[in-house]
Amino acid sequence: MVEDEIKRAERRGYSKGYVAGKRRKQAARQREVHCREQQAFLDRAFLVILPVALAAEGWKFGDKPISTTEERVLLAKRWAEEALRQRPIF
């Protein structure tokens, strides 16, 4: 009888560990999917915004006018990041 109880307790412990492991793996997969979706959105937004940022006139970073290609790309990057932050999450 005592041995049966020990075996049942071992099976319950194994079962709980198995379920917890599956839950951890599922959560990790969901985080990975979420990160990939965010990166894909950021990539698309950047590519759409880049031509606008390259043609932008009169924009400034603080007091410094944006004039170089690097500054214009940085502007597009900031806009894309802001678009990601403002993106509604469902």
C-alpha atoms as a PDB file:
ATOM      1  CA  MET A   1       0.000   0.000   0.000  1.00  0.00           C
ATOM      2  CA  VAL A   2       2.695   2.462   0.916  1.00  0.00           C
ATOM      3  CA  GLU A   3       4.570   1.526  -2.252  1.00  0.00           C
ATOM      4  CA  ASP A   4       1.459   2.199  -4.347  1.00  0.00           C
ATOM      5  CA  GLU A   5       1.101   5.628  -2.774  1.00  0.00           C
ATOM      6  CA  ILE A   6       4.747   6.405  -3.468  1.00  0.00           C
ATOM      7  CA  LYS A   7       4.376   5.329  -7.090  1.00  0.00           C
ATOM      8  CA  ARG A   8       1.241   7.467  -7.514  1.00  0.00           C
ATOM      9  CA  ALA A   9       3.043  10.456  -5.986  1.00  0.00           C
ATOM     10  CA  GLU A  10       5.984   9.920  -8.358  1.00  0.00           C
ATOM     11  CA  ARG A  11       3.623   9.769 -11.351  1.00  0.00           C
ATOM     12  CA  ARG A  12       1.866  12.971 -10.238  1.00  0.00           C
ATOM     13  CA  GLY A  13       5.217  14.700  -9.834  1.00  0.00           C
ATOM     14  CA  TYR A  14       6.366  13.556 -13.264  1.00  0.00           C
ATOM     15  CA  SER A  15       3.066  14.616 -14.798  1.00  0.00           C
ATOM     16  CA  LYS A  16       3.244  18.085 -13.227  1.00  0.00           C
ATOM     17  CA  GLY A  17       6.822  18.515 -14.423  1.00  0.00           C
ATOM     18  CA  TYR A  18       5.877  17.394 -17.918  1.00  0.00           C
ATOM     19  CA  VAL A  19       2.978  19.856 -18.078  1.00  0.00           C
ATOM     20  CA  ALA A  20       5.147  22.683 -16.702  1.00  0.00           C
ATOM     21  CA  GLY A  21       7.804  21.932 -19.326  1.00  0.00           C
ATOM     22  CA  LYS A  22       5.216  22.012 -22.099  1.00  0.00           C
ATOM     23  CA  ARG A  23       3.915  25.342 -20.771  1.00  0.00           C
ATOM     24  CA  ARG A  24       7.436  26.805 -20.741  1.00  0.00           C
ATOM     25  CA  LYS A  25       8.082  25.673 -24.306  1.00  0.00           C
ATOM     26  CA  GLN A  26       4.761  27.106 -25.488  1.00  0.00           C
ATOM     27  CA  ALA A  27       5.506  30.449 -23.800  1.00  0.00           C
ATOM     28  CA  ALA A  28       8.966  30.525 -25.413  1.00  0.00           C
ATOM     29  CA  ARG A  29       7.436  29.824 -28.834  1.00  0.00           C
ATOM     30  CA  GLN A  30       4.887  32.595 -28.329  1.00  0.00           C
ATOM     31  CA  ARG A  31       7.631  35.077 -27.365  1.00  0.00           C
ATOM     32  CA  GLU A  32       9.632  34.061 -30.426  1.00  0.00           C
ATOM     33  CA  VAL A  33       6.621  34.512 -32.731  1.00  0.00           C
ATOM     34  CA  HIS A  34       5.858  37.892 -31.141  1.00  0.00           C
ATOM     35  CA  CYS A  35       9.465  39.068 -31.664  1.00  0.00           C
ATOM     36  CA  ARG A  36       9.437  37.916 -35.301  1.00  0.00           C
ATOM     37  CA  GLU A  37       6.130  39.701 -35.931  1.00  0.00           C
ATOM     38  CA  GLN A  38       7.445  42.909 -34.375  1.00  0.00           C
ATOM     39  CA  GLN A  39      10.644  42.748 -36.435  1.00  0.00           C
ATOM     40  CA  ALA A  40       8.673  42.100 -39.621  1.00  0.00           C
ATOM     41  CA  PHE A  41       6.432  45.102 -38.893  1.00  0.00           C
ATOM     42  CA  LEU A  42       9.470  47.263 -38.133  1.00  0.00           C
ATOM     43  CA  ASP A  43      11.151  46.184 -41.386  1.00  0.00           C
ATOM     44  CA  ARG A  44       8.049  46.925 -43.465  1.00  0.00           C
ATOM     45  CA  ALA A  45       7.454  50.277 -41.758  1.00  0.00           C
ATOM     46  CA  PHE A  46      11.087  51.307 -42.245  1.00  0.00           C
ATOM     47  CA  LEU A  47      11.044  50.436 -45.938  1.00  0.00           C
ATOM     48  CA  VAL A  48       7.801  52.373 -46.475  1.00  0.00           C
ATOM     49  CA  ILE A  49       9.011  55.405 -44.502  1.00  0.00           C
ATOM     50  CA  LEU A  50      12.552  55.547 -45.917  1.00  0.00           C
ATOM     51  CA  PRO A  51      11.695  57.272 -49.238  1.00  0.00           C
ATOM     52  CA  VAL A  52       9.728  59.934 -47.358  1.00  0.00           C
ATOM     53  CA  ALA A  53      12.588  60.520 -44.914  1.00  0.00           C
ATOM     54  CA  LEU A  54      15.120  60.733 -47.764  1.00  0.00           C
ATOM     55  CA  ALA A  55      13.032  63.450 -49.428  1.00  0.00           C
ATOM     56  CA  ALA A  56      12.150  65.298 -46.201  1.00  0.00           C
ATOM     57  CA  GLU A  57      13.109  68.966 -46.137  1.00  0.00           C
ATOM     58  CA  GLY A  58      13.257  71.252 -43.143  1.00  0.00           C
ATOM     59  CA  TRP A  59      13.425  68.550 -40.462  1.00  0.00           C
ATOM     60  CA  LYS A  60      15.818  68.902 -37.520  1.00  0.00           C
ATOM     61  CA  PHE A  61      17.292  66.822 -34.724  1.00  0.00           C
ATOM     62  CA  GLY A  62      17.144  69.398 -31.972  1.00  0.00           C
ATOM     63  CA  ASP A  63      18.643  72.526 -33.537  1.00  0.00           C
ATOM     64  CA  LYS A  64      20.676  70.688 -36.185  1.00  0.00           C
ATOM     65  CA  PRO A  65      19.085  70.413 -39.644  1.00  0.00           C
ATOM     66  CA  ILE A  66      18.906  66.935 -41.156  1.00  0.00           C
ATOM     67  CA  SER A  67      21.047  66.976 -44.277  1.00  0.00           C
ATOM     68  CA  THR A  68      23.064  63.758 -44.650  1.00  0.00           C
ATOM     69  CA  THR A  69      21.870  60.377 -45.812  1.00  0.00           C
ATOM     70  CA  GLU A  70      22.791  58.844 -42.452  1.00  0.00           C
ATOM     71  CA  GLU A  71      20.650  61.406 -40.628  1.00  0.00           C
ATOM     72  CA  ARG A  72      17.746  60.757 -42.989  1.00  0.00           C
ATOM     73  CA  VAL A  73      18.021  56.997 -42.455  1.00  0.00           C
ATOM     74  CA  LEU A  74      18.103  57.614 -38.700  1.00  0.00           C
ATOM     75  CA  LEU A  75      14.939  59.717 -39.085  1.00  0.00           C
ATOM     76  CA  ALA A  76      13.241  56.829 -40.924  1.00  0.00           C
ATOM     77  CA  LYS A  77      14.383  54.424 -38.207  1.00  0.00           C
ATOM     78  CA  ARG A  78      12.946  56.642 -35.467  1.00  0.00           C
ATOM     79  CA  TRP A  79       9.657  56.990 -37.333  1.00  0.00           C
ATOM     80  CA  ALA A  80       9.440  53.220 -37.833  1.00  0.00           C
ATOM     81  CA  GLU A  81      10.179  52.598 -34.148  1.00  0.00           C
ATOM     82  CA  GLU A  82       7.490  55.093 -33.169  1.00  0.00           C
ATOM     83  CA  ALA A  83       5.057  53.394 -35.540  1.00  0.00           C
ATOM     84  CA  LEU A  84       5.829  50.093 -33.796  1.00  0.00           C
ATOM     85  CA  ARG A  85       5.228  51.681 -30.381  1.00  0.00           C
ATOM     86  CA  GLN A  86       1.929  53.178 -31.560  1.00  0.00           C
ATOM     87  CA  ARG A  87       0.828  49.944 -33.255  1.00  0.00           C
ATOM     88  CA  PRO A  88      -2.324  48.581 -31.645  1.00  0.00           C
ATOM     89  CA  ILE A  89      -1.843  45.222 -29.967  1.00  0.00           C
ATOM     90  CA  PHE A  90      -4.703  42.743 -30.264  1.00  0.00           C
END
